[in-house]
């Protein structure tokens, strides 16, 4: 069994937390952050069992500040 680390992006929408894995494209939700992450982990695992992704280099996650009108 392989183990790999992925990025999880979380945000709140109405009364649910949405969790996304941008490297794989999986998305799931939960009533708590912990539930959303657990659901995303399960969805990503199931996806990777059916559709393995090619090996890639690690991604750098950072933030930027943008001024706009």
C-alpha atoms as a PDB file:
ATOM      1  CA  UNK A   1       0.000   0.000   0.000  1.00  0.00           C
ATOM      2  CA  UNK A   2       1.346   3.439  -0.957  1.00  0.00           C
ATOM      3  CA  UNK A   3       1.197   6.516   1.243  1.00  0.00           C
ATOM      4  CA  UNK A   4       1.468  10.054  -0.122  1.00  0.00           C
ATOM      5  CA  UNK A   5       0.749  13.507   1.300  1.00  0.00           C
ATOM      6  CA  UNK A   6      -1.712  15.786  -0.491  1.00  0.00           C
ATOM      7  CA  UNK A   7      -2.963  19.328   0.018  1.00  0.00           C
ATOM      8  CA  UNK A   8      -6.382  19.888   1.624  1.00  0.00           C
ATOM      9  CA  UNK A   9      -8.127  23.233   1.153  1.00  0.00           C
ATOM     10  CA  UNK A  10     -11.005  23.929   3.549  1.00  0.00           C
ATOM     11  CA  UNK A  11     -13.679  26.604   3.598  1.00  0.00           C
ATOM     12  CA  UNK A  12     -17.113  27.040   5.129  1.00  0.00           C
ATOM     13  CA  UNK A  13     -20.196  27.266   2.937  1.00  0.00           C
ATOM     14  CA  UNK A  14     -23.466  27.866   4.776  1.00  0.00           C
ATOM     15  CA  UNK A  15     -23.488  25.320   7.620  1.00  0.00           C
ATOM     16  CA  UNK A  16     -21.035  22.839   6.037  1.00  0.00           C
ATOM     17  CA  UNK A  17     -17.256  22.684   5.667  1.00  0.00           C
ATOM     18  CA  UNK A  18     -16.011  21.915   2.163  1.00  0.00           C
ATOM     19  CA  UNK A  19     -12.670  20.123   1.728  1.00  0.00           C
ATOM     20  CA  UNK A  20     -10.844  19.923  -1.605  1.00  0.00           C
ATOM     21  CA  UNK A  21      -7.724  18.066  -2.721  1.00  0.00           C
ATOM     22  CA  UNK A  22      -6.394  20.092  -5.684  1.00  0.00           C
ATOM     23  CA  UNK A  23      -3.775  17.537  -6.758  1.00  0.00           C
ATOM     24  CA  UNK A  24      -6.408  14.847  -7.285  1.00  0.00           C
ATOM     25  CA  UNK A  25      -9.562  16.918  -7.816  1.00  0.00           C
ATOM     26  CA  UNK A  26     -11.596  15.288  -5.072  1.00  0.00           C
ATOM     27  CA  UNK A  27     -14.064  17.305  -2.992  1.00  0.00           C
ATOM     28  CA  UNK A  28     -16.154  16.349   0.037  1.00  0.00           C
ATOM     29  CA  UNK A  29     -17.953  18.019   2.926  1.00  0.00           C
ATOM     30  CA  UNK A  30     -18.833  17.641   6.594  1.00  0.00           C
ATOM     31  CA  UNK A  31     -20.526  19.430   9.467  1.00  0.00           C
ATOM     32  CA  UNK A  32     -17.131  19.887  11.183  1.00  0.00           C
ATOM     33  CA  UNK A  33     -13.598  20.411   9.880  1.00  0.00           C
ATOM     34  CA  UNK A  34     -12.636  16.975  11.163  1.00  0.00           C
ATOM     35  CA  UNK A  35     -15.585  15.316   9.412  1.00  0.00           C
ATOM     36  CA  UNK A  36     -14.885  17.149   6.142  1.00  0.00           C
ATOM     37  CA  UNK A  37     -11.216  16.063   6.248  1.00  0.00           C
ATOM     38  CA  UNK A  38     -12.120  12.453   7.069  1.00  0.00           C
ATOM     39  CA  UNK A  39     -14.636  12.403   4.209  1.00  0.00           C
ATOM     40  CA  UNK A  40     -12.085  13.948   1.824  1.00  0.00           C
ATOM     41  CA  UNK A  41      -9.481  11.389   2.863  1.00  0.00           C
ATOM     42  CA  UNK A  42     -11.896   8.530   2.164  1.00  0.00           C
ATOM     43  CA  UNK A  43     -13.032  10.014  -1.172  1.00  0.00           C
ATOM     44  CA  UNK A  44      -9.415  10.533  -2.252  1.00  0.00           C
ATOM     45  CA  UNK A  45      -8.447   6.997  -1.239  1.00  0.00           C
ATOM     46  CA  UNK A  46     -11.332   5.508  -3.218  1.00  0.00           C
ATOM     47  CA  UNK A  47     -10.530   7.684  -6.230  1.00  0.00           C
ATOM     48  CA  UNK A  48      -6.836   6.724  -6.215  1.00  0.00           C
ATOM     49  CA  UNK A  49      -7.694   3.017  -6.007  1.00  0.00           C
ATOM     50  CA  UNK A  50      -9.558   3.359  -9.327  1.00  0.00           C
ATOM     51  CA  UNK A  51      -7.539   6.116 -11.041  1.00  0.00           C
ATOM     52  CA  UNK A  52      -3.899   6.253  -9.935  1.00  0.00           C
ATOM     53  CA  UNK A  53      -2.242   9.585 -10.604  1.00  0.00           C
ATOM     54  CA  UNK A  54       1.210   9.867 -12.168  1.00  0.00           C
ATOM     55  CA  UNK A  55       4.158  10.749  -9.956  1.00  0.00           C
ATOM     56  CA  UNK A  56       4.604  14.512  -9.653  1.00  0.00           C
ATOM     57  CA  UNK A  57       6.929  16.856  -7.839  1.00  0.00           C
ATOM     58  CA  UNK A  58       5.683  18.405  -4.581  1.00  0.00           C
ATOM     59  CA  UNK A  59       3.707  21.642  -4.886  1.00  0.00           C
ATOM     60  CA  UNK A  60       4.468  24.794  -2.964  1.00  0.00           C
ATOM     61  CA  UNK A  61       1.474  26.374  -1.273  1.00  0.00           C
ATOM     62  CA  UNK A  62       1.705  30.056  -0.383  1.00  0.00           C
ATOM     63  CA  UNK A  63      -0.489  33.148  -0.361  1.00  0.00           C
ATOM     64  CA  UNK A  64      -0.423  36.403  -2.295  1.00  0.00           C
ATOM     65  CA  UNK A  65      -1.825  39.851  -1.541  1.00  0.00           C
ATOM     66  CA  UNK A  66      -3.712  41.629  -4.327  1.00  0.00           C
ATOM     67  CA  UNK A  67      -5.082  45.207  -4.322  1.00  0.00           C
ATOM     68  CA  UNK A  68      -8.195  45.836  -6.399  1.00  0.00           C
ATOM     69  CA  UNK A  69     -11.013  48.310  -6.748  1.00  0.00           C
END
